[in-house]
């Protein structure tokens, strides 16, 4: 079994992952491994690690400290007599370790090849799990719904983590999102294929919304307009308009944005309403107005949420 669990901070991901990994180990009669990926940066991380250790101390986990090269778990699978079960906690830390590095002189640098390298390693590991019957539960973090406009390196990291989640999602037996300690609805779309009336597509950044729109509603790239950081108008002649949250940010009015977009066949929005409340007043206003625009558009449209590359019909 390959399982991906994601969701917000302190929403119950680790407890759910532990329960699943334990059950897989019992069914397979194999060893149970906790793959710890975090590199501590101080007392706060040390305390977080201590709590995780205490939480799993009586569950039978053998801990593997693995900060890089996730594909090295293949060697563990091959040496065990029965198929083992792994809990990898977390993809978030694993990618950060690979991407944000220091050289031999202690100088910080960003490894721009990290996401591709981790994707390759995950592919090797998943191939071996499916070949051998080993189970693996991946824990990740939903970091895609802030209204803050981050710097290029942070955006590169967000995009990289989303790509890892989408890779696993395509090959996983189950993908789940934990919200307030419970499993959310992430069942894939089953009735898509053609646009009916008007459509609203939303989801966190880098979740595959454009790809979903193209495949489900027969749209080509040339038919999609992507709003820029300067747009205050909606150019005619396109079937779909993406990054509507940028238009809202430029106008700072849900009503005016709605009037400009209400005739559009498909509107695609990055959901920026679930992150930390921004310190900057303009960021706060943009966040609130984007939420209001989504409500206005959603009243008269079919609504789809895209999560880890999978489309879920909301209405």
C-alpha atoms as a PDB file:
ATOM      1  CA  UNK A   1       0.000   0.000   0.000  1.00  0.00           C
ATOM      2  CA  UNK A   2       1.170   3.500  -0.896  1.00  0.00           C
ATOM      3  CA  UNK A   3      -0.573   6.276   1.057  1.00  0.00           C
ATOM      4  CA  UNK A   4      -0.097  10.046   1.026  1.00  0.00           C
ATOM      5  CA  UNK A   5      -1.394  12.124   3.952  1.00  0.00           C
ATOM      6  CA  UNK A   6      -1.294  15.905   3.803  1.00  0.00           C
ATOM      7  CA  UNK A   7      -3.062  18.832   5.463  1.00  0.00           C
ATOM      8  CA  UNK A   8      -2.485  21.817   7.714  1.00  0.00           C
ATOM      9  CA  UNK A   9      -0.270  22.101  10.758  1.00  0.00           C
ATOM     10  CA  UNK A  10      -1.418  20.078  13.809  1.00  0.00           C
ATOM     11  CA  UNK A  11      -4.431  18.578  12.051  1.00  0.00           C
ATOM     12  CA  UNK A  12      -3.747  14.975  13.045  1.00  0.00           C
ATOM     13  CA  UNK A  13      -1.581  13.796  10.130  1.00  0.00           C
ATOM     14  CA  UNK A  14       1.068  12.019  12.197  1.00  0.00           C
ATOM     15  CA  UNK A  15      -1.397  10.107  14.384  1.00  0.00           C
ATOM     16  CA  UNK A  16      -3.332   8.893  11.335  1.00  0.00           C
ATOM     17  CA  UNK A  17      -0.087   7.918   9.600  1.00  0.00           C
ATOM     18  CA  UNK A  18       1.084   5.972  12.649  1.00  0.00           C
ATOM     19  CA  UNK A  19      -2.177   4.033  12.836  1.00  0.00           C
ATOM     20  CA  UNK A  20      -1.992   3.105   9.150  1.00  0.00           C
ATOM     21  CA  UNK A  21       1.667   2.085   9.234  1.00  0.00           C
ATOM     22  CA  UNK A  22       1.084  -0.117  12.296  1.00  0.00           C
ATOM     23  CA  UNK A  23      -1.884  -1.834  10.629  1.00  0.00           C
ATOM     24  CA  UNK A  24       0.099  -2.459   7.425  1.00  0.00           C
ATOM     25  CA  UNK A  25       2.977  -3.940   9.414  1.00  0.00           C
ATOM     26  CA  UNK A  26       0.645  -6.297  11.264  1.00  0.00           C
ATOM     27  CA  UNK A  27      -1.021  -7.496   8.059  1.00  0.00           C
ATOM     28  CA  UNK A  28       2.296  -8.034   6.291  1.00  0.00           C
ATOM     29  CA  UNK A  29       4.016  -9.520   9.367  1.00  0.00           C
ATOM     30  CA  UNK A  30       7.003  -7.349   8.547  1.00  0.00           C
ATOM     31  CA  UNK A  31       9.088  -4.793  10.409  1.00  0.00           C
ATOM     32  CA  UNK A  32       7.769  -1.311  11.173  1.00  0.00           C
ATOM     33  CA  UNK A  33       9.990   1.678  10.432  1.00  0.00           C
ATOM     34  CA  UNK A  34       9.656   5.364  11.257  1.00  0.00           C
ATOM     35  CA  UNK A  35      11.720   7.365   8.743  1.00  0.00           C
ATOM     36  CA  UNK A  36      12.698  10.609  10.503  1.00  0.00           C
ATOM     37  CA  UNK A  37      13.697  13.323   8.034  1.00  0.00           C
ATOM     38  CA  UNK A  38      13.861  16.487  10.160  1.00  0.00           C
ATOM     39  CA  UNK A  39      17.180  18.218  10.780  1.00  0.00           C
ATOM     40  CA  UNK A  40      16.812  20.124  14.036  1.00  0.00           C
ATOM     41  CA  UNK A  41      17.629  23.833  13.932  1.00  0.00           C
ATOM     42  CA  UNK A  42      17.256  24.482  17.653  1.00  0.00           C
ATOM     43  CA  UNK A  43      15.259  24.021  20.841  1.00  0.00           C
ATOM     44  CA  UNK A  44      11.855  24.348  19.173  1.00  0.00           C
ATOM     45  CA  UNK A  45      12.616  21.545  16.716  1.00  0.00           C
ATOM     46  CA  UNK A  46      14.116  19.448  19.503  1.00  0.00           C
ATOM     47  CA  UNK A  47      10.866  19.710  21.462  1.00  0.00           C
ATOM     48  CA  UNK A  48       8.808  18.809  18.388  1.00  0.00           C
ATOM     49  CA  UNK A  49      10.982  15.741  17.801  1.00  0.00           C
ATOM     50  CA  UNK A  50      10.701  14.725  21.462  1.00  0.00           C
ATOM     51  CA  UNK A  51       6.900  14.826  21.294  1.00  0.00           C
ATOM     52  CA  UNK A  52       6.862  12.679  18.156  1.00  0.00           C
ATOM     53  CA  UNK A  53       9.174  10.123  19.794  1.00  0.00           C
ATOM     54  CA  UNK A  54       6.983   9.968  22.918  1.00  0.00           C
ATOM     55  CA  UNK A  55       3.852   9.605  20.809  1.00  0.00           C
ATOM     56  CA  UNK A  56       5.096   6.494  19.013  1.00  0.00           C
ATOM     57  CA  UNK A  57       7.273   4.918  21.742  1.00  0.00           C
ATOM     58  CA  UNK A  58       4.977   1.946  22.430  1.00  0.00           C
ATOM     59  CA  UNK A  59       3.908   1.239  18.838  1.00  0.00           C
ATOM     60  CA  UNK A  60       6.843  -0.911  17.763  1.00  0.00           C
ATOM     61  CA  UNK A  61       8.597   1.488  15.405  1.00  0.00           C
ATOM     62  CA  UNK A  62      12.279   1.154  14.592  1.00  0.00           C
ATOM     63  CA  UNK A  63      13.589   4.624  13.736  1.00  0.00           C
ATOM     64  CA  UNK A  64      15.660   5.300  10.624  1.00  0.00           C
ATOM     65  CA  UNK A  65      17.327   8.733  10.489  1.00  0.00           C
ATOM     66  CA  UNK A  66      17.275   9.615   6.789  1.00  0.00           C
ATOM     67  CA  UNK A  67      17.780  13.271   5.856  1.00  0.00           C
ATOM     68  CA  UNK A  68      18.665  12.782   2.180  1.00  0.00           C
ATOM     69  CA  UNK A  69      18.349  10.152  -0.586  1.00  0.00           C
ATOM     70  CA  UNK A  70      14.931   8.667   0.118  1.00  0.00           C
ATOM     71  CA  UNK A  71      15.728   5.885  -2.366  1.00  0.00           C
ATOM     72  CA  UNK A  72      18.156   4.398   0.191  1.00  0.00           C
ATOM     73  CA  UNK A  73      15.119   2.756   1.790  1.00  0.00           C
ATOM     74  CA  UNK A  74      15.249   0.271  -1.086  1.00  0.00           C
ATOM     75  CA  UNK A  75      18.203  -1.413   0.659  1.00  0.00           C
ATOM     76  CA  UNK A  76      16.106  -1.828   3.817  1.00  0.00           C
ATOM     77  CA  UNK A  77      13.274  -3.447   1.850  1.00  0.00           C
ATOM     78  CA  UNK A  78      15.603  -5.918   0.151  1.00  0.00           C
ATOM     79  CA  UNK A  79      17.248  -7.118   3.363  1.00  0.00           C
ATOM     80  CA  UNK A  80      14.012  -7.772   5.294  1.00  0.00           C
ATOM     81  CA  UNK A  81      12.482 -11.229   5.134  1.00  0.00           C
ATOM     82  CA  UNK A  82       8.864 -10.012   5.048  1.00  0.00           C
ATOM     83  CA  UNK A  83       7.623  -6.811   3.371  1.00  0.00           C
ATOM     84  CA  UNK A  84       8.153  -3.952   5.840  1.00  0.00           C
ATOM     85  CA  UNK A  85       5.965  -0.906   6.491  1.00  0.00           C
ATOM     86  CA  UNK A  86       7.418   2.612   6.525  1.00  0.00           C
ATOM     87  CA  UNK A  87       6.156   5.929   7.823  1.00  0.00           C
ATOM     88  CA  UNK A  88       8.064   8.804   6.156  1.00  0.00           C
ATOM     89  CA  UNK A  89       7.597  11.973   8.197  1.00  0.00           C
ATOM     90  CA  UNK A  90       7.895  14.187   6.312  1.00  0.00           C
ATOM     91  CA  UNK A  91       8.257  15.046   2.631  1.00  0.00           C
ATOM     92  CA  UNK A  92       8.275  18.679   3.724  1.00  0.00           C
ATOM     93  CA  UNK A  93      11.495  18.274   5.709  1.00  0.00           C
ATOM     94  CA  UNK A  94      13.066  15.925   3.170  1.00  0.00           C
ATOM     95  CA  UNK A  95      12.764  18.457   0.346  1.00  0.00           C
ATOM     96  CA  UNK A  96      13.959  21.305   2.593  1.00  0.00           C
ATOM     97  CA  UNK A  97      17.071  19.272   3.494  1.00  0.00           C
ATOM     98  CA  UNK A  98      17.831  18.622  -0.160  1.00  0.00           C
ATOM     99  CA  UNK A  99      17.076  22.136  -1.398  1.00  0.00           C
ATOM    100  CA  UNK A 100      18.470  24.454   1.293  1.00  0.00           C
ATOM    101  CA  UNK A 101      22.096  23.503   1.861  1.00  0.00           C
ATOM    102  CA  UNK A 102      25.418  24.745   3.194  1.00  0.00           C
ATOM    103  CA  UNK A 103      28.750  24.119   1.522  1.00  0.00           C
ATOM    104  CA  UNK A 104      31.970  22.963   3.173  1.00  0.00           C
ATOM    105  CA  UNK A 105      32.674  26.516   4.315  1.00  0.00           C
ATOM    106  CA  UNK A 106      29.249  26.917   5.909  1.00  0.00           C
ATOM    107  CA  UNK A 107      27.851  29.149   3.171  1.00  0.00           C
ATOM    108  CA  UNK A 108      24.118  28.802   2.474  1.00  0.00           C
ATOM    109  CA  UNK A 109      22.921  27.986  -1.029  1.00  0.00           C
ATOM    110  CA  UNK A 110      19.794  26.763  -2.798  1.00  0.00           C
ATOM    111  CA  UNK A 111      20.072  23.538  -4.770  1.00  0.00           C
ATOM    112  CA  UNK A 112      17.746  24.104  -7.713  1.00  0.00           C
ATOM    113  CA  UNK A 113      17.996  20.462  -8.786  1.00  0.00           C
ATOM    114  CA  UNK A 114      16.681  19.172  -5.463  1.00  0.00           C
ATOM    115  CA  UNK A 115      13.006  18.682  -6.366  1.00  0.00           C
ATOM    116  CA  UNK A 116      13.848  16.722  -9.502  1.00  0.00           C
ATOM    117  CA  UNK A 117      16.346  14.599  -7.602  1.00  0.00           C
ATOM    118  CA  UNK A 118      13.831  13.762  -4.861  1.00  0.00           C
ATOM    119  CA  UNK A 119      11.173  12.940  -7.476  1.00  0.00           C
ATOM    120  CA  UNK A 120      13.559  10.458  -9.074  1.00  0.00           C
ATOM    121  CA  UNK A 121      14.345   8.897  -5.687  1.00  0.00           C
ATOM    122  CA  UNK A 122      10.654   8.585  -4.824  1.00  0.00           C
ATOM    123  CA  UNK A 123       9.992   6.878  -8.143  1.00  0.00           C
ATOM    124  CA  UNK A 124      12.708   4.302  -7.411  1.00  0.00           C
ATOM    125  CA  UNK A 125      11.352   3.705  -3.898  1.00  0.00           C
ATOM    126  CA  UNK A 126       7.717   3.357  -4.998  1.00  0.00           C
ATOM    127  CA  UNK A 127       8.752   0.938  -7.760  1.00  0.00           C
ATOM    128  CA  UNK A 128      10.443  -1.271  -5.151  1.00  0.00           C
ATOM    129  CA  UNK A 129       7.498  -1.063  -2.737  1.00  0.00           C
ATOM    130  CA  UNK A 130       5.059  -2.150  -5.410  1.00  0.00           C
ATOM    131  CA  UNK A 131       7.373  -4.931  -6.557  1.00  0.00           C
ATOM    132  CA  UNK A 132       8.063  -6.299  -3.062  1.00  0.00           C
ATOM    133  CA  UNK A 133       4.716  -5.693  -1.342  1.00  0.00           C
ATOM    134  CA  UNK A 134       6.196  -3.210   1.148  1.00  0.00           C
ATOM    135  CA  UNK A 135       3.893  -0.444   2.389  1.00  0.00           C
ATOM    136  CA  UNK A 136       4.773   3.187   2.850  1.00  0.00           C
ATOM    137  CA  UNK A 137       2.878   6.127   4.323  1.00  0.00           C
ATOM    138  CA  UNK A 138       4.128   9.577   3.328  1.00  0.00           C
ATOM    139  CA  UNK A 139       3.297  12.621   5.456  1.00  0.00           C
ATOM    140  CA  UNK A 140       3.412  16.080   3.876  1.00  0.00           C
ATOM    141  CA  UNK A 141       2.163  19.587   4.692  1.00  0.00           C
ATOM    142  CA  UNK A 142      -0.375  21.752   2.888  1.00  0.00           C
ATOM    143  CA  UNK A 143       1.640  24.965   2.387  1.00  0.00           C
ATOM    144  CA  UNK A 144      -0.180  26.322  -0.643  1.00  0.00           C
ATOM    145  CA  UNK A 145      -2.922  28.640   0.609  1.00  0.00           C
ATOM    146  CA  UNK A 146      -1.199  31.728   1.988  1.00  0.00           C
ATOM    147  CA  UNK A 147      -2.068  35.164   0.640  1.00  0.00           C
ATOM    148  CA  UNK A 148       1.496  36.419   1.142  1.00  0.00           C
ATOM    149  CA  UNK A 149       3.540  36.789  -2.034  1.00  0.00           C
ATOM    150  CA  UNK A 150       6.779  34.993  -1.213  1.00  0.00           C
ATOM    151  CA  UNK A 151      10.228  35.313  -2.740  1.00  0.00           C
ATOM    152  CA  UNK A 152      11.383  33.152  -5.634  1.00  0.00           C
ATOM    153  CA  UNK A 153      13.163  30.569  -3.477  1.00  0.00           C
ATOM    154  CA  UNK A 154      10.118  29.952  -1.274  1.00  0.00           C
ATOM    155  CA  UNK A 155       7.857  29.679  -4.321  1.00  0.00           C
ATOM    156  CA  UNK A 156      10.317  27.219  -5.859  1.00  0.00           C
ATOM    157  CA  UNK A 157      10.120  25.156  -2.666  1.00  0.00           C
ATOM    158  CA  UNK A 158       6.293  25.236  -2.636  1.00  0.00           C
ATOM    159  CA  UNK A 159       6.184  24.189  -6.272  1.00  0.00           C
ATOM    160  CA  UNK A 160       8.700  21.410  -5.650  1.00  0.00           C
ATOM    161  CA  UNK A 161       6.746  19.969  -2.716  1.00  0.00           C
ATOM    162  CA  UNK A 162       3.520  20.087  -4.731  1.00  0.00           C
ATOM    163  CA  UNK A 163       5.260  18.169  -7.529  1.00  0.00           C
ATOM    164  CA  UNK A 164       6.350  15.482  -5.046  1.00  0.00           C
ATOM    165  CA  UNK A 165       2.779  15.160  -3.756  1.00  0.00           C
ATOM    166  CA  UNK A 166       1.372  14.912  -7.276  1.00  0.00           C
ATOM    167  CA  UNK A 167       3.917  12.245  -8.239  1.00  0.00           C
ATOM    168  CA  UNK A 168       2.970  10.137  -5.208  1.00  0.00           C
ATOM    169  CA  UNK A 169      -0.751  10.824  -5.689  1.00  0.00           C
ATOM    170  CA  UNK A 170      -0.673   9.372  -9.200  1.00  0.00           C
ATOM    171  CA  UNK A 171       0.774   6.089  -7.898  1.00  0.00           C
ATOM    172  CA  UNK A 172      -0.786   5.910  -4.436  1.00  0.00           C
ATOM    173  CA  UNK A 173      -3.531   3.550  -3.352  1.00  0.00           C
ATOM    174  CA  UNK A 174      -4.995   6.306  -1.196  1.00  0.00           C
ATOM    175  CA  UNK A 175      -4.532  10.056  -0.756  1.00  0.00           C
ATOM    176  CA  UNK A 176      -6.080  11.821   2.199  1.00  0.00           C
ATOM    177  CA  UNK A 177      -6.198  15.305   3.652  1.00  0.00           C
ATOM    178  CA  UNK A 178      -6.489  15.706   7.408  1.00  0.00           C
ATOM    179  CA  UNK A 179      -8.549  18.642   8.674  1.00  0.00           C
ATOM    180  CA  UNK A 180      -9.245  19.191  12.372  1.00  0.00           C
ATOM    181  CA  UNK A 181      -8.215  15.619  13.087  1.00  0.00           C
ATOM    182  CA  UNK A 182     -10.522  14.000  10.522  1.00  0.00           C
ATOM    183  CA  UNK A 183     -10.051  12.716   6.992  1.00  0.00           C
ATOM    184  CA  UNK A 184     -11.347  15.079   4.328  1.00  0.00           C
ATOM    185  CA  UNK A 185     -12.987  14.169   1.017  1.00  0.00           C
ATOM    186  CA  UNK A 186     -10.335  13.674  -1.665  1.00  0.00           C
ATOM    187  CA  UNK A 187     -12.183  11.220  -3.884  1.00  0.00           C
ATOM    188  CA  UNK A 188     -11.254  11.837  -7.543  1.00  0.00           C
ATOM    189  CA  UNK A 189     -13.688  13.342  -9.991  1.00  0.00           C
ATOM    190  CA  UNK A 190     -15.820  10.678 -11.623  1.00  0.00           C
ATOM    191  CA  UNK A 191     -18.273  12.631 -13.760  1.00  0.00           C
ATOM    192  CA  UNK A 192     -16.045  15.084 -15.600  1.00  0.00           C
ATOM    193  CA  UNK A 193     -15.104  15.307 -19.240  1.00  0.00           C
ATOM    194  CA  UNK A 194     -17.192  18.197 -20.531  1.00  0.00           C
ATOM    195  CA  UNK A 195     -17.825  21.706 -19.354  1.00  0.00           C
ATOM    196  CA  UNK A 196     -21.451  22.221 -18.394  1.00  0.00           C
ATOM    197  CA  UNK A 197     -22.628  25.836 -17.999  1.00  0.00           C
ATOM    198  CA  UNK A 198     -19.933  27.747 -16.089  1.00  0.00           C
ATOM    199  CA  UNK A 199     -17.105  26.399 -13.963  1.00  0.00           C
ATOM    200  CA  UNK A 200     -15.141  27.571 -10.916  1.00  0.00           C
ATOM    201  CA  UNK A 201     -11.900  25.697 -10.187  1.00  0.00           C
ATOM    202  CA  UNK A 202      -9.981  26.436  -7.008  1.00  0.00           C
ATOM    203  CA  UNK A 203      -7.237  24.949  -4.860  1.00  0.00           C
ATOM    204  CA  UNK A 204      -3.862  25.715  -3.342  1.00  0.00           C
ATOM    205  CA  UNK A 205      -0.930  26.908  -5.407  1.00  0.00           C
ATOM    206  CA  UNK A 206       0.795  24.386  -7.679  1.00  0.00           C
ATOM    207  CA  UNK A 207      -1.886  21.706  -7.217  1.00  0.00           C
ATOM    208  CA  UNK A 208      -2.467  21.124 -10.955  1.00  0.00           C
ATOM    209  CA  UNK A 209      -5.542  23.280 -11.576  1.00  0.00           C
ATOM    210  CA  UNK A 210      -4.604  24.253 -15.137  1.00  0.00           C
ATOM    211  CA  UNK A 211      -3.782  20.651 -16.063  1.00  0.00           C
ATOM    212  CA  UNK A 212      -7.092  19.520 -14.583  1.00  0.00           C
ATOM    213  CA  UNK A 213      -9.044  22.172 -16.506  1.00  0.00           C
ATOM    214  CA  UNK A 214      -7.355  21.213 -19.776  1.00  0.00           C
ATOM    215  CA  UNK A 215      -7.976  17.495 -19.400  1.00  0.00           C
ATOM    216  CA  UNK A 216     -11.513  17.626 -17.995  1.00  0.00           C
ATOM    217  CA  UNK A 217     -12.967  20.447 -20.075  1.00  0.00           C
ATOM    218  CA  UNK A 218     -11.064  20.078 -23.363  1.00  0.00           C
ATOM    219  CA  UNK A 219      -9.214  23.375 -23.209  1.00  0.00           C
ATOM    220  CA  UNK A 220      -5.913  24.252 -24.882  1.00  0.00           C
ATOM    221  CA  UNK A 221      -3.237  26.512 -23.386  1.00  0.00           C
ATOM    222  CA  UNK A 222      -3.974  29.189 -25.977  1.00  0.00           C
ATOM    223  CA  UNK A 223      -7.553  29.392 -24.645  1.00  0.00           C
ATOM    224  CA  UNK A 224      -6.417  30.184 -21.081  1.00  0.00           C
ATOM    225  CA  UNK A 225      -5.493  33.686 -19.970  1.00  0.00           C
ATOM    226  CA  UNK A 226      -3.277  33.957 -16.892  1.00  0.00           C
ATOM    227  CA  UNK A 227      -3.617  37.239 -14.998  1.00  0.00           C
ATOM    228  CA  UNK A 228      -0.401  39.102 -14.222  1.00  0.00           C
ATOM    229  CA  UNK A 229       0.562  41.220 -11.241  1.00  0.00           C
ATOM    230  CA  UNK A 230      -0.564  44.338 -13.169  1.00  0.00           C
ATOM    231  CA  UNK A 231      -3.878  43.342 -14.782  1.00  0.00           C
ATOM    232  CA  UNK A 232      -6.995  45.336 -13.928  1.00  0.00           C
ATOM    233  CA  UNK A 233      -9.030  44.299 -16.986  1.00  0.00           C
ATOM    234  CA  UNK A 234     -10.201  40.994 -18.453  1.00  0.00           C
ATOM    235  CA  UNK A 235      -9.163  40.549 -22.089  1.00  0.00           C
ATOM    236  CA  UNK A 236     -11.810  39.040 -24.339  1.00  0.00           C
ATOM    237  CA  UNK A 237     -11.467  35.919 -26.422  1.00  0.00           C
ATOM    238  CA  UNK A 238     -10.488  33.271 -23.856  1.00  0.00           C
ATOM    239  CA  UNK A 239     -12.457  30.323 -22.498  1.00  0.00           C
ATOM    240  CA  UNK A 240     -10.674  30.224 -19.145  1.00  0.00           C
ATOM    241  CA  UNK A 241      -9.052  32.772 -16.861  1.00  0.00           C
ATOM    242  CA  UNK A 242      -6.561  31.632 -14.240  1.00  0.00           C
ATOM    243  CA  UNK A 243      -5.027  33.370 -11.219  1.00  0.00           C
ATOM    244  CA  UNK A 244      -8.159  35.399 -10.629  1.00  0.00           C
ATOM    245  CA  UNK A 245      -6.722  36.128  -7.165  1.00  0.00           C
ATOM    246  CA  UNK A 246      -4.167  38.387  -8.899  1.00  0.00           C
ATOM    247  CA  UNK A 247      -6.934  40.397 -10.542  1.00  0.00           C
ATOM    248  CA  UNK A 248      -8.609  40.757  -7.152  1.00  0.00           C
ATOM    249  CA  UNK A 249      -5.353  41.908  -5.591  1.00  0.00           C
ATOM    250  CA  UNK A 250      -4.935  44.612  -8.230  1.00  0.00           C
ATOM    251  CA  UNK A 251      -8.519  45.853  -7.905  1.00  0.00           C
ATOM    252  CA  UNK A 252      -9.151  45.058  -4.209  1.00  0.00           C
ATOM    253  CA  UNK A 253     -12.856  44.677  -4.862  1.00  0.00           C
ATOM    254  CA  UNK A 254     -14.709  41.373  -5.058  1.00  0.00           C
ATOM    255  CA  UNK A 255     -17.730  43.055  -6.655  1.00  0.00           C
ATOM    256  CA  UNK A 256     -15.741  44.714  -9.429  1.00  0.00           C
ATOM    257  CA  UNK A 257     -13.744  41.538 -10.062  1.00  0.00           C
ATOM    258  CA  UNK A 258     -16.973  39.527 -10.231  1.00  0.00           C
ATOM    259  CA  UNK A 259     -18.496  41.918 -12.763  1.00  0.00           C
ATOM    260  CA  UNK A 260     -15.424  41.478 -14.954  1.00  0.00           C
ATOM    261  CA  UNK A 261     -15.436  37.675 -14.675  1.00  0.00           C
ATOM    262  CA  UNK A 262     -19.106  36.741 -14.463  1.00  0.00           C
ATOM    263  CA  UNK A 263     -19.431  35.883 -18.165  1.00  0.00           C
ATOM    264  CA  UNK A 264     -16.258  33.777 -18.280  1.00  0.00           C
ATOM    265  CA  UNK A 265     -16.836  30.083 -18.981  1.00  0.00           C
ATOM    266  CA  UNK A 266     -14.134  28.897 -16.558  1.00  0.00           C
ATOM    267  CA  UNK A 267     -12.470  30.796 -13.732  1.00  0.00           C
ATOM    268  CA  UNK A 268      -9.442  29.329 -11.938  1.00  0.00           C
ATOM    269  CA  UNK A 269      -8.444  30.695  -8.530  1.00  0.00           C
ATOM    270  CA  UNK A 270      -5.561  30.017  -6.179  1.00  0.00           C
ATOM    271  CA  UNK A 271      -7.246  29.612  -2.789  1.00  0.00           C
ATOM    272  CA  UNK A 272      -5.264  32.063  -0.636  1.00  0.00           C
ATOM    273  CA  UNK A 273      -7.810  32.138   2.181  1.00  0.00           C
ATOM    274  CA  UNK A 274      -6.451  29.382   4.462  1.00  0.00           C
ATOM    275  CA  UNK A 275      -3.005  30.644   5.429  1.00  0.00           C
ATOM    276  CA  UNK A 276      -1.777  32.834   8.245  1.00  0.00           C
ATOM    277  CA  UNK A 277      -3.564  36.193   8.494  1.00  0.00           C
ATOM    278  CA  UNK A 278      -1.089  38.632   6.888  1.00  0.00           C
ATOM    279  CA  UNK A 279       0.440  41.563   8.764  1.00  0.00           C
ATOM    280  CA  UNK A 280       0.097  43.852   5.733  1.00  0.00           C
ATOM    281  CA  UNK A 281      -3.294  45.527   5.302  1.00  0.00           C
ATOM    282  CA  UNK A 282      -3.255  45.137   1.502  1.00  0.00           C
ATOM    283  CA  UNK A 283      -2.496  41.416   1.834  1.00  0.00           C
ATOM    284  CA  UNK A 284      -5.366  41.042   4.298  1.00  0.00           C
ATOM    285  CA  UNK A 285      -7.745  42.906   2.008  1.00  0.00           C
ATOM    286  CA  UNK A 286      -6.724  40.806  -1.006  1.00  0.00           C
ATOM    287  CA  UNK A 287      -7.229  37.604   1.006  1.00  0.00           C
ATOM    288  CA  UNK A 288     -10.721  38.627   2.128  1.00  0.00           C
ATOM    289  CA  UNK A 289     -11.834  39.898  -1.275  1.00  0.00           C
ATOM    290  CA  UNK A 290     -10.637  36.692  -2.953  1.00  0.00           C
ATOM    291  CA  UNK A 291     -12.802  34.676  -0.574  1.00  0.00           C
ATOM    292  CA  UNK A 292     -15.776  36.890  -1.335  1.00  0.00           C
ATOM    293  CA  UNK A 293     -15.191  36.574  -5.096  1.00  0.00           C
ATOM    294  CA  UNK A 294     -15.140  32.771  -4.807  1.00  0.00           C
ATOM    295  CA  UNK A 295     -18.499  32.903  -3.021  1.00  0.00           C
ATOM    296  CA  UNK A 296     -20.009  35.138  -5.707  1.00  0.00           C
ATOM    297  CA  UNK A 297     -18.734  33.010  -8.579  1.00  0.00           C
ATOM    298  CA  UNK A 298     -19.730  29.786  -6.863  1.00  0.00           C
ATOM    299  CA  UNK A 299     -23.427  30.667  -6.614  1.00  0.00           C
ATOM    300  CA  UNK A 300     -24.064  30.163 -10.320  1.00  0.00           C
ATOM    301  CA  UNK A 301     -21.333  27.674 -11.247  1.00  0.00           C
ATOM    302  CA  UNK A 302     -20.275  24.081 -10.945  1.00  0.00           C
ATOM    303  CA  UNK A 303     -17.373  24.062  -8.476  1.00  0.00           C
ATOM    304  CA  UNK A 304     -14.284  21.849  -8.501  1.00  0.00           C
ATOM    305  CA  UNK A 305     -11.444  21.730  -6.013  1.00  0.00           C
ATOM    306  CA  UNK A 306      -8.057  20.419  -7.178  1.00  0.00           C
ATOM    307  CA  UNK A 307      -5.865  18.702  -4.595  1.00  0.00           C
ATOM    308  CA  UNK A 308      -2.620  16.849  -5.382  1.00  0.00           C
ATOM    309  CA  UNK A 309      -3.605  16.904  -9.043  1.00  0.00           C
ATOM    310  CA  UNK A 310      -7.014  15.291  -8.454  1.00  0.00           C
ATOM    311  CA  UNK A 311     -10.280  17.126  -9.124  1.00  0.00           C
ATOM    312  CA  UNK A 312     -13.102  16.875  -6.595  1.00  0.00           C
ATOM    313  CA  UNK A 313     -16.563  18.127  -7.518  1.00  0.00           C
ATOM    314  CA  UNK A 314     -17.918  20.326  -4.724  1.00  0.00           C
ATOM    315  CA  UNK A 315     -21.180  21.361  -6.409  1.00  0.00           C
END
